[in-house]
Amino acid sequence: MSATNTFSNFIIGNLKVGTATTWLVDGLDNNDIYYYRVRASNAGGTGADSDTMEVILVPEPTLFWILNFGFWICGRKLIPVALSAS
């Protein structure tokens, strides 16, 4: 994983993760672009690098609630509520 698509500087390089299909990387910054590639390895040797993949980390949305004309607005989702006169 690198912050450049040329992989001139690695954030994480050449991990051997066994049979894992996912890998958690901590310490990355939101709104930054990162690049990664993978390659397979087995008793017969190591394959070529995959195509380079680009990812942009976005922050998780903030959850907010607003009561508006009989609907709770949760992010972008409208949730109808029953209003009763007291």
PDB file of N, CA and C in Angstrom:
ATOM      1  N   MET A   1       0.851  -1.156   0.000  1.00  0.00           N
ATOM      2  CA  MET A   1       0.000   0.000   0.000  1.00  0.00           C
ATOM      3  C   MET A   1       0.894   1.215   0.000  1.00  0.00           C
ATOM      4  N   SER A   2       0.453   2.223  -0.787  1.00  0.00           N
ATOM      5  CA  SER A   2       1.261   3.419  -0.947  1.00  0.00           C
ATOM      6  C   SER A   2       0.359   4.634  -1.127  1.00  0.00           C
ATOM      7  N   ALA A   3       0.906   5.806  -0.865  1.00  0.00           N
ATOM      8  CA  ALA A   3       0.177   7.047  -1.138  1.00  0.00           C
ATOM      9  C   ALA A   3       0.455   7.539  -2.555  1.00  0.00           C
ATOM     10  N   THR A   4       1.309   6.827  -3.286  1.00  0.00           N
ATOM     11  CA  THR A   4       1.596   7.178  -4.684  1.00  0.00           C
ATOM     12  C   THR A   4       1.342   5.971  -5.573  1.00  0.00           C
ATOM     13  N   ASN A   5       0.860   6.220  -6.787  1.00  0.00           N
ATOM     14  CA  ASN A   5       0.565   5.093  -7.681  1.00  0.00           C
ATOM     15  C   ASN A   5       1.815   4.468  -8.291  1.00  0.00           C
ATOM     16  N   THR A   6       2.968   5.069  -8.033  1.00  0.00           N
ATOM     17  CA  THR A   6       4.231   4.476  -8.484  1.00  0.00           C
ATOM     18  C   THR A   6       4.853   3.585  -7.411  1.00  0.00           C
ATOM     19  N   PHE A   7       4.259   3.589  -6.221  1.00  0.00           N
ATOM     20  CA  PHE A   7       4.746   2.804  -5.086  1.00  0.00           C
ATOM     21  C   PHE A   7       6.191   3.162  -4.730  1.00  0.00           C
ATOM     22  N   SER A   8       6.533   4.454  -4.886  1.00  0.00           N
ATOM     23  CA  SER A   8       7.887   4.893  -4.537  1.00  0.00           C
ATOM     24  C   SER A   8       8.115   4.879  -3.029  1.00  0.00           C
ATOM     25  N   ASN A   9       7.048   5.042  -2.256  1.00  0.00           N
ATOM     26  CA  ASN A   9       7.118   4.940  -0.792  1.00  0.00           C
ATOM     27  C   ASN A   9       5.983   4.053  -0.328  1.00  0.00           C
ATOM     28  N   PHE A  10       6.314   3.019   0.407  1.00  0.00           N
ATOM     29  CA  PHE A  10       5.294   2.097   0.900  1.00  0.00           C
ATOM     30  C   PHE A  10       4.813   2.516   2.286  1.00  0.00           C
ATOM     31  N   ILE A  11       3.506   2.456   2.482  1.00  0.00           N
ATOM     32  CA  ILE A  11       2.938   2.568   3.826  1.00  0.00           C
ATOM     33  C   ILE A  11       3.029   1.195   4.471  1.00  0.00           C
ATOM     34  N   ILE A  12       2.682   0.190   3.704  1.00  0.00           N
ATOM     35  CA  ILE A  12       2.828  -1.210   4.090  1.00  0.00           C
ATOM     36  C   ILE A  12       3.349  -1.926   2.847  1.00  0.00           C
ATOM     37  N   GLY A  13       4.359  -2.725   2.994  1.00  0.00           N
ATOM     38  CA  GLY A  13       4.892  -3.412   1.827  1.00  0.00           C
ATOM     39  C   GLY A  13       5.091  -4.893   2.067  1.00  0.00           C
ATOM     40  N   ASN A  14       4.800  -5.686   1.063  1.00  0.00           N
ATOM     41  CA  ASN A  14       5.084  -7.122   1.029  1.00  0.00           C
ATOM     42  C   ASN A  14       4.705  -7.879   2.294  1.00  0.00           C
ATOM     43  N   LEU A  15       3.437  -7.831   2.628  1.00  0.00           N
ATOM     44  CA  LEU A  15       2.933  -8.614   3.756  1.00  0.00           C
ATOM     45  C   LEU A  15       2.627 -10.030   3.299  1.00  0.00           C
ATOM     46  N   LYS A  16       2.946 -10.975   4.121  1.00  0.00           N
ATOM     47  CA  LYS A  16       2.536 -12.351   3.866  1.00  0.00           C
ATOM     48  C   LYS A  16       1.360 -12.614   4.782  1.00  0.00           C
ATOM     49  N   VAL A  17       0.172 -12.694   4.202  1.00  0.00           N
ATOM     50  CA  VAL A  17      -1.045 -12.798   5.012  1.00  0.00           C
ATOM     51  C   VAL A  17      -1.675 -14.184   4.948  1.00  0.00           C
ATOM     52  N   GLY A  18      -0.986 -15.133   4.372  1.00  0.00           N
ATOM     53  CA  GLY A  18      -1.502 -16.502   4.319  1.00  0.00           C
ATOM     54  C   GLY A  18      -2.740 -16.586   3.455  1.00  0.00           C
ATOM     55  N   THR A  19      -3.789 -17.173   3.994  1.00  0.00           N
ATOM     56  CA  THR A  19      -5.021 -17.352   3.211  1.00  0.00           C
ATOM     57  C   THR A  19      -6.048 -16.257   3.468  1.00  0.00           C
ATOM     58  N   ALA A  20      -5.646 -15.182   4.141  1.00  0.00           N
ATOM     59  CA  ALA A  20      -6.590 -14.091   4.447  1.00  0.00           C
ATOM     60  C   ALA A  20      -7.110 -13.461   3.151  1.00  0.00           C
ATOM     61  N   THR A  21      -8.388 -13.135   3.152  1.00  0.00           N
ATOM     62  CA  THR A  21      -8.983 -12.438   2.002  1.00  0.00           C
ATOM     63  C   THR A  21      -9.261 -10.969   2.318  1.00  0.00           C
ATOM     64  N   THR A  22      -9.052 -10.569   3.576  1.00  0.00           N
ATOM     65  CA  THR A  22      -9.177  -9.172   3.974  1.00  0.00           C
ATOM     66  C   THR A  22      -8.018  -8.842   4.904  1.00  0.00           C
ATOM     67  N   TRP A  23      -7.698  -7.549   4.982  1.00  0.00           N
ATOM     68  CA  TRP A  23      -6.627  -7.122   5.861  1.00  0.00           C
ATOM     69  C   TRP A  23      -6.939  -5.715   6.331  1.00  0.00           C
ATOM     70  N   LEU A  24      -6.931  -5.486   7.641  1.00  0.00           N
ATOM     71  CA  LEU A  24      -7.221  -4.184   8.215  1.00  0.00           C
ATOM     72  C   LEU A  24      -5.936  -3.375   8.321  1.00  0.00           C
ATOM     73  N   VAL A  25      -5.989  -2.159   7.810  1.00  0.00           N
ATOM     74  CA  VAL A  25      -4.839  -1.258   7.890  1.00  0.00           C
ATOM     75  C   VAL A  25      -5.249  -0.053   8.732  1.00  0.00           C
ATOM     76  N   ASP A  26      -4.587   0.156   9.840  1.00  0.00           N
ATOM     77  CA  ASP A  26      -4.879   1.284  10.729  1.00  0.00           C
ATOM     78  C   ASP A  26      -3.985   2.472  10.391  1.00  0.00           C
ATOM     79  N   GLY A  27      -4.408   3.651  10.867  1.00  0.00           N
ATOM     80  CA  GLY A  27      -3.558   4.830  10.766  1.00  0.00           C
ATOM     81  C   GLY A  27      -3.652   5.589   9.459  1.00  0.00           C
ATOM     82  N   LEU A  28      -4.645   5.268   8.618  1.00  0.00           N
ATOM     83  CA  LEU A  28      -4.793   5.991   7.365  1.00  0.00           C
ATOM     84  C   LEU A  28      -5.687   7.204   7.582  1.00  0.00           C
ATOM     85  N   ASP A  29      -5.533   8.219   6.747  1.00  0.00           N
ATOM     86  CA  ASP A  29      -6.272   9.465   6.913  1.00  0.00           C
ATOM     87  C   ASP A  29      -7.469   9.536   5.982  1.00  0.00           C
ATOM     88  N   ASN A  30      -8.585  10.050   6.503  1.00  0.00           N
ATOM     89  CA  ASN A  30      -9.778  10.258   5.685  1.00  0.00           C
ATOM     90  C   ASN A  30      -9.488  11.254   4.568  1.00  0.00           C
ATOM     91  N   ASN A  31     -10.185  11.066   3.454  1.00  0.00           N
ATOM     92  CA  ASN A  31     -10.110  11.930   2.276  1.00  0.00           C
ATOM     93  C   ASN A  31      -8.774  11.852   1.549  1.00  0.00           C
ATOM     94  N   ASP A  32      -7.921  10.926   1.923  1.00  0.00           N
ATOM     95  CA  ASP A  32      -6.667  10.719   1.187  1.00  0.00           C
ATOM     96  C   ASP A  32      -6.830   9.556   0.222  1.00  0.00           C
ATOM     97  N   ILE A  33      -6.048   9.571  -0.834  1.00  0.00           N
ATOM     98  CA  ILE A  33      -6.058   8.499  -1.837  1.00  0.00           C
ATOM     99  C   ILE A  33      -4.911   7.551  -1.524  1.00  0.00           C
ATOM    100  N   TYR A  34      -5.235   6.266  -1.554  1.00  0.00           N
ATOM    101  CA  TYR A  34      -4.219   5.236  -1.351  1.00  0.00           C
ATOM    102  C   TYR A  34      -4.273   4.248  -2.500  1.00  0.00           C
ATOM    103  N   TYR A  35      -3.162   3.573  -2.745  1.00  0.00           N
ATOM    104  CA  TYR A  35      -3.047   2.608  -3.831  1.00  0.00           C
ATOM    105  C   TYR A  35      -2.550   1.291  -3.266  1.00  0.00           C
ATOM    106  N   TYR A  36      -3.081   0.199  -3.813  1.00  0.00           N
ATOM    107  CA  TYR A  36      -2.585  -1.104  -3.374  1.00  0.00           C
ATOM    108  C   TYR A  36      -2.610  -2.074  -4.544  1.00  0.00           C
ATOM    109  N   ARG A  37      -1.869  -3.125  -4.394  1.00  0.00           N
ATOM    110  CA  ARG A  37      -1.848  -4.225  -5.359  1.00  0.00           C
ATOM    111  C   ARG A  37      -1.549  -5.499  -4.580  1.00  0.00           C
ATOM    112  N   VAL A  38      -1.913  -6.613  -5.148  1.00  0.00           N
ATOM    113  CA  VAL A  38      -1.704  -7.895  -4.479  1.00  0.00           C
ATOM    114  C   VAL A  38      -1.049  -8.854  -5.457  1.00  0.00           C
ATOM    115  N   ARG A  39      -0.543  -9.930  -4.923  1.00  0.00           N
ATOM    116  CA  ARG A  39      -0.025 -11.015  -5.759  1.00  0.00           C
ATOM    117  C   ARG A  39      -0.161 -12.322  -5.001  1.00  0.00           C
ATOM    118  N   ALA A  40      -0.384 -13.363  -5.752  1.00  0.00           N
ATOM    119  CA  ALA A  40      -0.565 -14.690  -5.161  1.00  0.00           C
ATOM    120  C   ALA A  40       0.784 -15.386  -5.021  1.00  0.00           C
ATOM    121  N   SER A  41       0.830 -16.252  -4.038  1.00  0.00           N
ATOM    122  CA  SER A  41       2.050 -17.015  -3.811  1.00  0.00           C
ATOM    123  C   SER A  41       1.676 -18.406  -3.326  1.00  0.00           C
ATOM    124  N   ASN A  42       2.374 -19.409  -3.834  1.00  0.00           N
ATOM    125  CA  ASN A  42       2.172 -20.775  -3.366  1.00  0.00           C
ATOM    126  C   ASN A  42       3.474 -21.544  -3.539  1.00  0.00           C
ATOM    127  N   ALA A  43       3.419 -22.847  -3.386  1.00  0.00           N
ATOM    128  CA  ALA A  43       4.635 -23.659  -3.476  1.00  0.00           C
ATOM    129  C   ALA A  43       5.309 -23.536  -4.842  1.00  0.00           C
ATOM    130  N   GLY A  44       4.535 -23.183  -5.864  1.00  0.00           N
ATOM    131  CA  GLY A  44       5.098 -23.040  -7.207  1.00  0.00           C
ATOM    132  C   GLY A  44       5.765 -21.703  -7.459  1.00  0.00           C
ATOM    133  N   GLY A  45       5.646 -20.771  -6.515  1.00  0.00           N
ATOM    134  CA  GLY A  45       6.287 -19.466  -6.688  1.00  0.00           C
ATOM    135  C   GLY A  45       5.314 -18.324  -6.434  1.00  0.00           C
ATOM    136  N   THR A  46       5.733 -17.139  -6.804  1.00  0.00           N
ATOM    137  CA  THR A  46       4.947 -15.926  -6.599  1.00  0.00           C
ATOM    138  C   THR A  46       4.537 -15.366  -7.943  1.00  0.00           C
ATOM    139  N   GLY A  47       3.264 -14.998  -8.056  1.00  0.00           N
ATOM    140  CA  GLY A  47       2.745 -14.445  -9.296  1.00  0.00           C
ATOM    141  C   GLY A  47       3.101 -12.976  -9.458  1.00  0.00           C
ATOM    142  N   ALA A  48       2.671 -12.439 -10.574  1.00  0.00           N
ATOM    143  CA  ALA A  48       2.905 -11.025 -10.877  1.00  0.00           C
ATOM    144  C   ALA A  48       1.971 -10.142 -10.044  1.00  0.00           C
ATOM    145  N   ASP A  49       2.332  -8.882  -9.910  1.00  0.00           N
ATOM    146  CA  ASP A  49       1.461  -7.927  -9.220  1.00  0.00           C
ATOM    147  C   ASP A  49       0.141  -7.798  -9.959  1.00  0.00           C
ATOM    148  N   SER A  50      -0.924  -7.595  -9.190  1.00  0.00           N
ATOM    149  CA  SER A  50      -2.235  -7.314  -9.786  1.00  0.00           C
ATOM    150  C   SER A  50      -2.219  -5.903 -10.362  1.00  0.00           C
ATOM    151  N   ASP A  51      -3.289  -5.542 -11.037  1.00  0.00           N
ATOM    152  CA  ASP A  51      -3.459  -4.146 -11.421  1.00  0.00           C
ATOM    153  C   ASP A  51      -3.483  -3.308 -10.145  1.00  0.00           C
ATOM    154  N   THR A  52      -3.081  -2.072 -10.250  1.00  0.00           N
ATOM    155  CA  THR A  52      -3.105  -1.167  -9.101  1.00  0.00           C
ATOM    156  C   THR A  52      -4.534  -0.715  -8.836  1.00  0.00           C
ATOM    157  N   MET A  53      -4.937  -0.795  -7.583  1.00  0.00           N
ATOM    158  CA  MET A  53      -6.267  -0.369  -7.167  1.00  0.00           C
ATOM    159  C   MET A  53      -6.134   0.936  -6.403  1.00  0.00           C
ATOM    160  N   GLU A  54      -7.095   1.833  -6.611  1.00  0.00           N
ATOM    161  CA  GLU A  54      -7.109   3.127  -5.931  1.00  0.00           C
ATOM    162  C   GLU A  54      -8.296   3.173  -4.977  1.00  0.00           C
ATOM    163  N   VAL A  55      -8.055   3.613  -3.761  1.00  0.00           N
ATOM    164  CA  VAL A  55      -9.133   3.770  -2.790  1.00  0.00           C
ATOM    165  C   VAL A  55      -9.039   5.153  -2.162  1.00  0.00           C
ATOM    166  N   ILE A  56     -10.197   5.726  -1.876  1.00  0.00           N
ATOM    167  CA  ILE A  56     -10.269   6.999  -1.168  1.00  0.00           C
ATOM    168  C   ILE A  56     -11.034   6.737   0.123  1.00  0.00           C
ATOM    169  N   LEU A  57     -10.432   7.062   1.231  1.00  0.00           N
ATOM    170  CA  LEU A  57     -11.093   6.858   2.515  1.00  0.00           C
ATOM    171  C   LEU A  57     -12.023   8.029   2.788  1.00  0.00           C
ATOM    172  N   VAL A  58     -13.257   7.712   3.102  1.00  0.00           N
ATOM    173  CA  VAL A  58     -14.227   8.749   3.453  1.00  0.00           C
ATOM    174  C   VAL A  58     -14.663   8.518   4.891  1.00  0.00           C
ATOM    175  N   PRO A  59     -14.864   9.599   5.633  1.00  0.00           N
ATOM    176  CA  PRO A  59     -15.292   9.419   7.021  1.00  0.00           C
ATOM    177  C   PRO A  59     -16.687   8.845   7.089  1.00  0.00           C
ATOM    178  N   GLU A  60     -16.960   8.130   8.177  1.00  0.00           N
ATOM    179  CA  GLU A  60     -18.308   7.611   8.368  1.00  0.00           C
ATOM    180  C   GLU A  60     -19.252   8.789   8.552  1.00  0.00           C
ATOM    181  N   PRO A  61     -20.466   8.685   8.000  1.00  0.00           N
ATOM    182  CA  PRO A  61     -21.398   9.812   8.137  1.00  0.00           C
ATOM    183  C   PRO A  61     -21.801  10.021   9.593  1.00  0.00           C
ATOM    184  N   THR A  62     -22.029  11.252   9.928  1.00  0.00           N
ATOM    185  CA  THR A  62     -22.509  11.587  11.261  1.00  0.00           C
ATOM    186  C   THR A  62     -24.006  11.310  11.318  1.00  0.00           C
ATOM    187  N   LEU A  63     -24.414  10.627  12.345  1.00  0.00           N
ATOM    188  CA  LEU A  63     -25.831  10.307  12.505  1.00  0.00           C
ATOM    189  C   LEU A  63     -26.525  11.483  13.175  1.00  0.00           C
ATOM    190  N   PHE A  64     -27.582  11.974  12.555  1.00  0.00           N
ATOM    191  CA  PHE A  64     -28.326  13.062  13.168  1.00  0.00           C
ATOM    192  C   PHE A  64     -29.810  12.838  12.964  1.00  0.00           C
ATOM    193  N   TRP A  65     -30.585  13.383  13.869  1.00  0.00           N
ATOM    194  CA  TRP A  65     -32.034  13.230  13.834  1.00  0.00           C
ATOM    195  C   TRP A  65     -32.683  14.611  13.869  1.00  0.00           C
ATOM    196  N   ILE A  66     -33.643  14.842  12.994  1.00  0.00           N
ATOM    197  CA  ILE A  66     -34.399  16.094  12.981  1.00  0.00           C
ATOM    198  C   ILE A  66     -35.867  15.730  12.811  1.00  0.00           C
ATOM    199  N   LEU A  67     -36.705  16.243  13.691  1.00  0.00           N
ATOM    200  CA  LEU A  67     -38.139  16.028  13.547  1.00  0.00           C
ATOM    201  C   LEU A  67     -38.668  17.104  12.623  1.00  0.00           C
ATOM    202  N   ASN A  68     -39.220  16.694  11.485  1.00  0.00           N
ATOM    203  CA  ASN A  68     -39.633  17.645  10.461  1.00  0.00           C
ATOM    204  C   ASN A  68     -40.960  17.198   9.866  1.00  0.00           C
ATOM    205  N   PHE A  69     -42.041  17.880  10.174  1.00  0.00           N
ATOM    206  CA  PHE A  69     -43.351  17.625   9.581  1.00  0.00           C
ATOM    207  C   PHE A  69     -43.779  16.163   9.699  1.00  0.00           C
ATOM    208  N   GLY A  70     -43.600  15.585  10.873  1.00  0.00           N
ATOM    209  CA  GLY A  70     -44.052  14.219  11.104  1.00  0.00           C
ATOM    210  C   GLY A  70     -43.086  13.150  10.635  1.00  0.00           C
ATOM    211  N   PHE A  71     -41.890  13.530  10.266  1.00  0.00           N
ATOM    212  CA  PHE A  71     -40.882  12.555   9.856  1.00  0.00           C
ATOM    213  C   PHE A  71     -39.607  12.808  10.643  1.00  0.00           C
ATOM    214  N   TRP A  72     -39.000  11.717  11.076  1.00  0.00           N
ATOM    215  CA  TRP A  72     -37.643  11.836  11.588  1.00  0.00           C
ATOM    216  C   TRP A  72     -36.709  11.716  10.403  1.00  0.00           C
ATOM    217  N   ILE A  73     -35.772  12.618  10.310  1.00  0.00           N
ATOM    218  CA  ILE A  73     -34.783  12.531   9.242  1.00  0.00           C
ATOM    219  C   ILE A  73     -33.501  12.013   9.874  1.00  0.00           C
ATOM    220  N   CYS A  74     -33.087  10.858   9.440  1.00  0.00           N
ATOM    221  CA  CYS A  74     -31.872  10.230   9.948  1.00  0.00           C
ATOM    222  C   CYS A  74     -30.887  10.188   8.799  1.00  0.00           C
ATOM    223  N   GLY A  75     -29.943  11.099   8.785  1.00  0.00           N
ATOM    224  CA  GLY A  75     -29.076  11.207   7.632  1.00  0.00           C
ATOM    225  C   GLY A  75     -29.928  11.606   6.446  1.00  0.00           C
ATOM    226  N   ARG A  76     -30.075  10.729   5.473  1.00  0.00           N
ATOM    227  CA  ARG A  76     -30.902  11.004   4.298  1.00  0.00           C
ATOM    228  C   ARG A  76     -32.172  10.176   4.275  1.00  0.00           C
ATOM    229  N   LYS A  77     -32.425   9.413   5.318  1.00  0.00           N
ATOM    230  CA  LYS A  77     -33.571   8.513   5.333  1.00  0.00           C
ATOM    231  C   LYS A  77     -34.716   9.134   6.125  1.00  0.00           C
ATOM    232  N   LEU A  78     -35.911   9.134   5.557  1.00  0.00           N
ATOM    233  CA  LEU A  78     -37.091   9.645   6.249  1.00  0.00           C
ATOM    234  C   LEU A  78     -37.789   8.507   6.965  1.00  0.00           C
ATOM    235  N   ILE A  79     -38.079   8.702   8.233  1.00  0.00           N
ATOM    236  CA  ILE A  79     -38.772   7.684   9.022  1.00  0.00           C
ATOM    237  C   ILE A  79     -40.054   8.304   9.539  1.00  0.00           C
ATOM    238  N   PRO A  80     -41.231   7.833   9.065  1.00  0.00           N
ATOM    239  CA  PRO A  80     -42.487   8.435   9.523  1.00  0.00           C
ATOM    240  C   PRO A  80     -42.729   8.159  11.005  1.00  0.00           C
ATOM    241  N   VAL A  81     -43.271   9.156  11.682  1.00  0.00           N
ATOM    242  CA  VAL A  81     -43.618   8.985  13.089  1.00  0.00           C
ATOM    243  C   VAL A  81     -45.053   9.418  13.286  1.00  0.00           C
ATOM    244  N   ALA A  82     -45.724   8.836  14.267  1.00  0.00           N
ATOM    245  CA  ALA A  82     -47.114   9.201  14.577  1.00  0.00           C
ATOM    246  C   ALA A  82     -47.083  10.350  15.564  1.00  0.00           C
ATOM    247  N   LEU A  83     -47.719  11.441  15.186  1.00  0.00           N
ATOM    248  CA  LEU A  83     -47.818  12.587  16.071  1.00  0.00           C
ATOM    249  C   LEU A  83     -49.205  12.646  16.634  1.00  0.00           C
ATOM    250  N   SER A  84     -49.313  12.858  17.919  1.00  0.00           N
ATOM    251  CA  SER A  84     -50.640  12.943  18.538  1.00  0.00           C
ATOM    252  C   SER A  84     -50.765  14.264  19.259  1.00  0.00           C
ATOM    253  N   ALA A  85     -51.964  14.842  19.200  1.00  0.00           N
ATOM    254  CA  ALA A  85     -52.226  16.089  19.909  1.00  0.00           C
ATOM    255  C   ALA A  85     -52.484  15.776  21.368  1.00  0.00           C
ATOM    256  N   SER A  86     -51.954  16.587  22.260  1.00  0.00           N
ATOM    257  CA  SER A  86     -52.190  16.340  23.666  1.00  0.00           C
ATOM    258  C   SER A  86     -53.116  17.410  24.208  1.00  0.00           C
TER     259      SER A  86
END
